[in-house]
Amino acid sequence: MLMNRQAWLVGLVVVALAGFFVAKAYTQTEHATALRWLLPHSQEEIFDRSTETFAKIIADESDGTLSLGGTLYPSDLDIPPTDHFTMKVLELHKAEIVSDYIEHIGSSHSTIFNGLAMPFLFDDYESALKFLDGPKANMVLDTLAEHTPYKALAFTMSGGFRIFVSHTKPIYTPADIQGMRIWSYFFGGPQISTLISLGATPVFYPLGEPKPDPEQLKTVEAVETTYSRIGLLLTHAPAFPKYVTETNHGISLTVIVVEKKFFDSLSSRQQKALQKAAHEAAVLEKQDSVAYEEQVRNSLRKAGVKIITLTPAQRGLFKEATQPVYSAYTTPFEQLLKAVTESRQQ
């Protein structure tokens, strides 16, 4: 009986000591780190709530070992804004977190991200947010870590639905677009195919240019853009916007990304804190991006721009015209398209 009690006490001491050394080793791996976050564009009001929430959650959940040390914008850095610009920021340790456009990631790192830009994939923001903030979005996010040195944490908006800003005439149907030269920020396969299916001639904006070139805009009749980017047109080419047509024919998104090597250097607790902070911040950023659109509409109306909201019948004509894009891309995006369909049904 005494031997059993002694063995039990020895075992208890061993377990206690093991727990002590494991806890000590655990805390030793948690280096205090102030994270820098590169944001994609200068509409700072879109990010106010999300960055504040990110800072609070990551500090609370990591017991202060992680913090948000500050936010950066492309203009703050001395790196040429090429198509690999954001990832270069991570590689050069100019920031620990970046928000990158799905167009960049889809063209250079993981093709499935381009699938989110398929025409009329989402009917409205409600259906888009249901997917992007839900568990099925992880199927897309996880592919980045499978093929690259990067890890995607969450989808942010920082763009929203794509629309047309026209200078020469209003756009109500695909017939109005036939033969138009349309300048575009978006260069992924589905985006190009969508414009071509509508009968337009895509004209691509020089990648990385910080502002629209008024001289180049003279060579086109319309611009494919998002509400968050129209401010640049109003500032640098105020005479160009005459009509805005809310086709909402595709969606432009950003993704919160970190280096896998950096993520793996964090303790388990810190990793969970980072993932939770990114997800909660992304939810708020998407909400504020949608709300920001109304501010832009008001500014456009004050500037005398006519905003055209399509009827269901008109929107149906655009959907029908872009169906060939699905014939071309159903196979590479089959898993994604299925996940989006299932998300709608839940």
Protein backbone atom coordinates (compact mmCIF):
# COMPACT_ATOMS: atom_id res chain seq x y z
CA MET A 1 0.00 0.00 0.00
CA LEU A 2 2.85 2.36 0.95
CA MET A 3 4.72 1.46 -2.24
CA ASN A 4 1.64 2.29 -4.34
CA ARG A 5 1.29 5.63 -2.60
CA GLN A 6 4.95 6.47 -3.13
CA ALA A 7 4.72 5.51 -6.80
CA TRP A 8 1.63 7.69 -7.16
CA LEU A 9 3.42 10.68 -5.56
CA VAL A 10 6.48 10.18 -7.76
CA GLY A 11 4.23 10.05 -10.82
CA LEU A 12 2.48 13.23 -9.74
CA VAL A 13 5.79 15.05 -9.31
CA VAL A 14 6.98 13.86 -12.73
CA VAL A 15 3.79 15.09 -14.38
CA ALA A 16 4.06 18.45 -12.59
CA LEU A 17 7.68 18.89 -13.60
CA ALA A 18 6.91 17.92 -17.18
CA GLY A 19 4.10 20.47 -17.28
CA PHE A 20 6.43 23.13 -15.88
CA PHE A 21 9.12 22.55 -18.48
CA VAL A 22 6.60 22.33 -21.33
CA ALA A 23 5.00 25.60 -20.23
CA LYS A 24 8.43 27.19 -19.93
CA ALA A 25 9.42 26.02 -23.39
CA TYR A 26 6.07 27.25 -24.72
CA THR A 27 6.55 30.75 -23.39
CA GLN A 28 10.14 30.84 -24.59
CA THR A 29 8.96 30.44 -28.18
CA GLU A 30 6.55 33.38 -27.89
CA HIS A 31 8.64 36.32 -28.98
CA ALA A 32 6.97 39.71 -28.61
CA THR A 33 6.26 40.94 -32.13
CA ALA A 34 4.73 44.17 -33.43
CA LEU A 35 3.09 43.33 -36.75
CA ARG A 36 3.05 45.68 -39.72
CA TRP A 37 0.12 45.37 -42.11
CA LEU A 38 0.31 46.53 -45.74
CA LEU A 39 -3.13 47.66 -46.92
CA PRO A 40 -3.98 47.81 -50.64
CA HIS A 41 -5.26 51.35 -51.16
CA SER A 42 -5.64 54.70 -49.45
CA GLN A 43 -9.33 54.73 -48.49
CA GLU A 44 -8.32 54.60 -44.84
CA GLU A 45 -11.88 54.92 -43.51
CA ILE A 46 -12.62 51.45 -44.89
CA PHE A 47 -9.98 49.98 -42.58
CA ASP A 48 -10.52 52.01 -39.39
CA ARG A 49 -12.77 49.54 -37.57
CA SER A 50 -11.08 46.45 -38.92
CA THR A 51 -7.56 47.48 -37.90
CA GLU A 52 -8.74 48.60 -34.46
CA THR A 53 -10.51 45.27 -33.97
CA PHE A 54 -7.49 43.35 -35.25
CA ALA A 55 -5.22 45.17 -32.78
CA LYS A 56 -7.50 44.47 -29.82
CA ILE A 57 -8.12 40.80 -30.58
CA ILE A 58 -4.53 39.89 -31.34
CA ALA A 59 -3.27 41.59 -28.19
CA ASP A 60 -5.94 39.98 -26.00
CA GLU A 61 -5.69 36.50 -27.47
CA SER A 62 -1.88 36.42 -27.37
CA ASP A 63 -1.58 37.99 -23.91
CA GLY A 64 0.23 40.93 -25.42
CA THR A 65 2.96 38.93 -27.17
CA LEU A 66 1.58 40.06 -30.54
CA SER A 67 0.46 43.57 -31.38
CA LEU A 68 -0.37 45.68 -34.41
CA GLY A 69 2.62 47.95 -34.77
CA GLY A 70 1.14 49.97 -37.63
CA THR A 71 -0.43 50.00 -41.07
CA LEU A 72 1.35 50.74 -44.33
CA TYR A 73 0.24 51.72 -47.82
CA PRO A 74 2.10 51.15 -51.11
CA SER A 75 3.13 54.82 -51.18
CA ASP A 76 4.99 54.29 -47.88
CA LEU A 77 7.43 51.83 -49.43
CA ASP A 78 10.29 52.21 -51.86
CA ILE A 79 9.48 49.04 -53.82
CA PRO A 80 8.27 49.32 -57.44
CA PRO A 81 4.57 48.29 -57.50
CA THR A 82 4.84 45.32 -59.87
CA ASP A 83 2.55 42.31 -60.01
CA HIS A 84 4.65 40.64 -57.29
CA PHE A 85 4.86 43.80 -55.21
CA THR A 86 2.92 42.66 -52.16
CA MET A 87 4.70 39.33 -51.83
CA LYS A 88 8.02 41.14 -52.23
CA VAL A 89 7.06 43.20 -49.19
CA LEU A 90 6.79 39.97 -47.18
CA GLU A 91 10.03 38.55 -48.56
CA LEU A 92 11.96 41.73 -47.70
CA HIS A 93 10.37 41.82 -44.22
CA LYS A 94 8.94 45.27 -44.81
CA ALA A 95 5.69 43.96 -43.31
CA GLU A 96 4.47 40.76 -41.66
CA ILE A 97 0.94 40.93 -43.13
CA VAL A 98 -0.26 42.11 -46.55
CA SER A 99 -3.64 42.43 -48.22
CA ASP A 100 -3.33 41.39 -51.86
CA TYR A 101 -5.87 41.35 -54.69
CA ILE A 102 -7.26 38.03 -55.90
CA GLU A 103 -6.21 39.10 -59.40
CA HIS A 104 -2.55 39.09 -58.29
CA ILE A 105 -2.81 35.84 -56.34
CA GLY A 106 -4.82 34.09 -59.04
CA SER A 107 -2.43 35.03 -61.83
CA SER A 108 0.84 34.39 -59.98
CA HIS A 109 0.25 31.92 -57.15
CA SER A 110 -3.00 29.94 -56.97
CA THR A 111 -5.31 29.88 -60.01
CA ILE A 112 -8.45 29.00 -58.06
CA PHE A 113 -8.57 32.53 -56.63
CA ASN A 114 -9.41 33.75 -60.15
CA GLY A 115 -12.57 31.68 -59.93
CA LEU A 116 -14.02 34.17 -57.47
CA ALA A 117 -14.01 36.74 -60.30
CA MET A 118 -16.29 34.67 -62.53
CA PRO A 119 -19.19 36.74 -63.91
CA PHE A 120 -22.30 36.96 -61.75
CA LEU A 121 -20.95 34.38 -59.31
CA PHE A 122 -22.80 36.23 -56.54
CA ASP A 123 -26.20 37.88 -56.91
CA ASP A 124 -25.63 40.43 -54.17
CA TYR A 125 -23.39 41.25 -51.22
CA GLU A 126 -25.46 39.10 -48.87
CA SER A 127 -24.72 35.94 -50.84
CA ALA A 128 -21.08 36.96 -51.31
CA LEU A 129 -20.49 37.57 -47.61
CA LYS A 130 -22.25 34.33 -46.71
CA PHE A 131 -19.62 32.45 -48.68
CA LEU A 132 -16.57 34.60 -47.92
CA ASP A 133 -17.13 34.60 -44.15
CA GLY A 134 -18.22 30.97 -44.00
CA PRO A 135 -16.29 27.70 -43.69
CA LYS A 136 -16.40 26.89 -47.41
CA ALA A 137 -14.13 29.84 -48.16
CA ASN A 138 -11.33 27.94 -46.42
CA MET A 139 -11.24 25.57 -49.38
CA VAL A 140 -9.94 28.45 -51.50
CA LEU A 141 -7.77 30.07 -48.83
CA ASP A 142 -5.96 26.82 -48.01
CA THR A 143 -4.78 26.32 -51.60
CA LEU A 144 -2.28 29.18 -51.28
CA ALA A 145 -0.27 27.37 -48.62
CA GLU A 146 -0.32 24.15 -50.65
CA HIS A 147 1.63 25.60 -53.57
CA THR A 148 3.48 28.69 -52.30
CA PRO A 149 5.51 30.00 -49.33
CA TYR A 150 2.46 32.02 -48.25
CA LYS A 151 -0.60 31.44 -46.10
CA ALA A 152 -3.99 33.11 -46.71
CA LEU A 153 -5.92 33.98 -43.55
CA ALA A 154 -9.17 35.65 -44.68
CA PHE A 155 -10.94 37.42 -47.52
CA THR A 156 -11.37 41.16 -47.38
CA MET A 157 -13.31 43.30 -49.84
CA SER A 158 -11.25 46.40 -50.68
CA GLY A 159 -12.92 46.42 -54.05
CA GLY A 160 -16.40 45.02 -54.28
CA PHE A 161 -18.63 44.53 -57.29
CA ARG A 162 -17.26 45.56 -60.66
CA ILE A 163 -19.14 48.28 -62.50
CA PHE A 164 -18.76 50.36 -65.67
CA VAL A 165 -18.01 54.07 -65.73
CA SER A 166 -18.68 55.41 -69.20
CA HIS A 167 -17.85 58.72 -70.79
CA THR A 168 -19.61 58.77 -74.16
CA LYS A 169 -22.97 57.07 -73.51
CA PRO A 170 -24.96 55.23 -70.82
CA ILE A 171 -24.82 51.44 -70.65
CA TYR A 172 -28.09 49.56 -70.13
CA THR A 173 -27.56 46.29 -72.04
CA PRO A 174 -24.72 44.29 -73.58
CA ALA A 175 -25.66 45.81 -76.93
CA ASP A 176 -24.50 49.18 -75.60
CA ILE A 177 -21.04 47.72 -74.91
CA GLN A 178 -20.53 46.22 -78.38
CA GLY A 179 -17.34 47.64 -79.89
CA MET A 180 -16.46 49.80 -76.88
CA ARG A 181 -12.85 50.10 -75.77
CA ILE A 182 -12.99 49.52 -72.04
CA TRP A 183 -10.06 50.28 -69.77
CA SER A 184 -9.69 47.82 -66.88
CA TYR A 185 -7.67 47.23 -63.73
CA PHE A 186 -8.48 43.52 -63.87
CA PHE A 187 -6.36 41.11 -65.87
CA GLY A 188 -7.23 37.55 -64.78
CA GLY A 189 -8.59 35.05 -67.28
CA PRO A 190 -12.29 35.26 -66.28
CA GLN A 191 -12.15 39.06 -66.16
CA ILE A 192 -10.74 39.30 -69.70
CA SER A 193 -13.20 36.71 -70.99
CA THR A 194 -16.11 38.54 -69.40
CA LEU A 195 -15.33 41.78 -71.24
CA ILE A 196 -14.82 39.93 -74.53
CA SER A 197 -18.11 38.03 -74.09
CA LEU A 198 -19.86 41.40 -73.78
CA GLY A 199 -18.37 42.52 -77.09
CA ALA A 200 -15.85 44.95 -75.62
CA THR A 201 -12.19 45.46 -76.46
CA PRO A 202 -10.25 45.33 -73.17
CA VAL A 203 -7.57 47.97 -72.68
CA PHE A 204 -5.41 47.24 -69.67
CA TYR A 205 -4.22 49.87 -67.31
CA PRO A 206 -0.41 49.80 -66.80
CA LEU A 207 0.15 47.59 -63.80
CA GLY A 208 1.23 49.46 -60.71
CA GLU A 209 0.41 52.97 -61.96
CA PRO A 210 -0.66 54.99 -58.89
CA LYS A 211 -3.26 57.09 -60.70
CA PRO A 212 -5.26 57.13 -63.95
CA ASP A 213 -3.58 58.81 -66.90
CA PRO A 214 -5.99 61.36 -68.43
CA GLU A 215 -4.27 61.03 -71.80
CA GLN A 216 -4.73 57.24 -71.84
CA LEU A 217 -8.36 57.64 -70.82
CA LYS A 218 -8.95 59.63 -74.01
CA THR A 219 -8.41 56.39 -75.95
CA VAL A 220 -11.31 54.53 -74.27
CA GLU A 221 -15.07 54.95 -73.95
CA ALA A 222 -15.49 53.32 -70.52
CA VAL A 223 -13.66 52.03 -67.48
CA GLU A 224 -14.30 48.77 -65.66
CA THR A 225 -13.73 49.51 -62.00
CA THR A 226 -15.24 49.37 -58.49
CA TYR A 227 -16.75 52.09 -56.33
CA SER A 228 -13.69 52.12 -54.08
CA ARG A 229 -11.52 53.13 -57.06
CA ILE A 230 -13.75 55.75 -58.68
CA GLY A 231 -12.28 58.37 -56.36
CA LEU A 232 -9.07 58.19 -58.38
CA LEU A 233 -10.99 58.99 -61.55
CA LEU A 234 -12.74 61.96 -59.95
CA THR A 235 -9.43 63.29 -58.65
CA HIS A 236 -7.22 62.80 -61.70
CA ALA A 237 -9.72 62.81 -64.57
CA PRO A 238 -12.84 64.59 -63.23
CA ALA A 239 -14.30 65.15 -66.70
CA PHE A 240 -14.35 61.43 -67.56
CA PRO A 241 -17.16 59.96 -65.40
CA LYS A 242 -20.54 60.75 -66.98
CA TYR A 243 -22.44 57.52 -66.32
CA VAL A 244 -22.05 54.67 -63.84
CA THR A 245 -23.79 51.39 -64.62
CA GLU A 246 -24.14 49.02 -61.67
CA THR A 247 -23.81 45.80 -63.63
CA ASN A 248 -22.16 44.15 -60.59
CA HIS A 249 -20.90 41.64 -63.13
CA GLY A 250 -18.04 40.33 -60.99
CA ILE A 251 -16.41 40.89 -57.64
CA SER A 252 -12.96 42.16 -56.74
CA LEU A 253 -11.55 40.95 -53.44
CA THR A 254 -8.41 41.10 -51.37
CA VAL A 255 -6.84 38.44 -49.17
CA ILE A 256 -4.95 38.79 -45.90
CA VAL A 257 -1.65 36.94 -46.41
CA VAL A 258 1.41 36.10 -44.29
CA GLU A 259 4.57 34.12 -45.00
CA LYS A 260 4.29 30.48 -43.94
CA LYS A 261 7.76 30.70 -42.42
CA PHE A 262 6.64 33.59 -40.21
CA PHE A 263 3.38 31.87 -39.29
CA ASP A 264 5.20 28.66 -38.38
CA SER A 265 7.57 30.62 -36.12
CA LEU A 266 4.65 31.59 -33.88
CA SER A 267 3.45 29.50 -30.99
CA SER A 268 0.15 27.66 -31.28
CA ARG A 269 -1.55 30.30 -29.15
CA GLN A 270 -0.17 33.12 -31.29
CA GLN A 271 -1.24 31.38 -34.49
CA LYS A 272 -4.79 31.05 -33.20
CA ALA A 273 -4.75 34.70 -32.12
CA LEU A 274 -3.59 35.82 -35.57
CA GLN A 275 -6.17 33.73 -37.37
CA LYS A 276 -9.00 34.93 -35.13
CA ALA A 277 -7.94 38.58 -35.40
CA ALA A 278 -7.67 38.35 -39.19
CA HIS A 279 -11.09 36.72 -39.54
CA GLU A 280 -12.90 39.21 -37.29
CA ALA A 281 -11.16 42.18 -38.90
CA ALA A 282 -12.05 40.86 -42.36
CA VAL A 283 -15.74 40.59 -41.45
CA LEU A 284 -15.80 44.25 -40.43
CA GLU A 285 -13.74 45.43 -43.40
CA LYS A 286 -16.17 43.84 -45.85
CA GLN A 287 -19.13 45.46 -44.07
CA ASP A 288 -17.44 48.88 -44.16
CA SER A 289 -16.40 48.47 -47.79
CA VAL A 290 -20.04 47.90 -48.74
CA ALA A 291 -21.14 50.91 -46.66
CA TYR A 292 -18.44 53.06 -48.26
CA GLU A 293 -20.05 52.59 -51.66
CA GLU A 294 -23.01 54.77 -50.68
CA GLN A 295 -20.63 57.61 -49.79
CA VAL A 296 -19.09 57.34 -53.24
CA ARG A 297 -22.52 57.30 -54.92
CA ASN A 298 -23.42 60.53 -53.13
CA SER A 299 -20.17 62.14 -54.28
CA LEU A 300 -20.82 61.07 -57.86
CA ARG A 301 -24.37 62.41 -57.83
CA LYS A 302 -23.12 65.75 -56.53
CA ALA A 303 -20.62 65.79 -59.40
CA GLY A 304 -23.48 65.33 -61.87
CA VAL A 305 -22.79 61.69 -62.70
CA LYS A 306 -25.82 59.58 -63.66
CA ILE A 307 -25.99 56.28 -61.76
CA ILE A 308 -27.83 53.48 -63.55
CA THR A 309 -29.27 50.56 -61.57
CA LEU A 310 -30.22 47.74 -63.91
CA THR A 311 -33.65 46.15 -63.91
CA PRO A 312 -33.80 42.37 -63.39
CA ALA A 313 -34.46 41.97 -67.12
CA GLN A 314 -31.42 44.07 -68.07
CA ARG A 315 -29.23 42.21 -65.62
CA GLY A 316 -30.52 38.97 -67.11
CA LEU A 317 -29.24 40.02 -70.53
CA PHE A 318 -25.75 40.55 -69.11
CA LYS A 319 -25.85 37.17 -67.38
CA GLU A 320 -26.89 35.47 -70.59
CA ALA A 321 -24.15 37.20 -72.58
CA THR A 322 -21.44 36.04 -70.17
CA GLN A 323 -22.43 32.37 -70.05
CA PRO A 324 -19.64 31.39 -72.48
CA VAL A 325 -17.16 32.26 -69.73
CA TYR A 326 -18.54 29.36 -67.67
CA SER A 327 -18.11 26.99 -70.59
CA ALA A 328 -14.44 27.98 -70.75
CA TYR A 329 -13.69 27.81 -67.01
CA THR A 330 -16.06 25.25 -65.47
CA THR A 331 -13.37 22.54 -65.27
CA PRO A 332 -10.60 24.47 -63.42
CA PHE A 333 -13.10 26.08 -61.05
CA GLU A 334 -15.50 23.16 -60.65
CA GLN A 335 -14.79 22.67 -56.93
CA LEU A 336 -15.14 26.36 -56.18
CA LEU A 337 -18.36 26.77 -58.17
CA LYS A 338 -19.83 23.80 -56.34
CA ALA A 339 -18.86 25.29 -52.95
CA VAL A 340 -20.48 28.62 -53.83
CA THR A 341 -23.67 26.87 -54.94
CA GLU A 342 -23.79 24.87 -51.71
CA SER A 343 -23.26 28.05 -49.70
CA ARG A 344 -26.32 29.65 -51.33
CA GLN A 345 -28.46 26.66 -50.39
CA GLN A 346 -27.54 26.69 -46.70
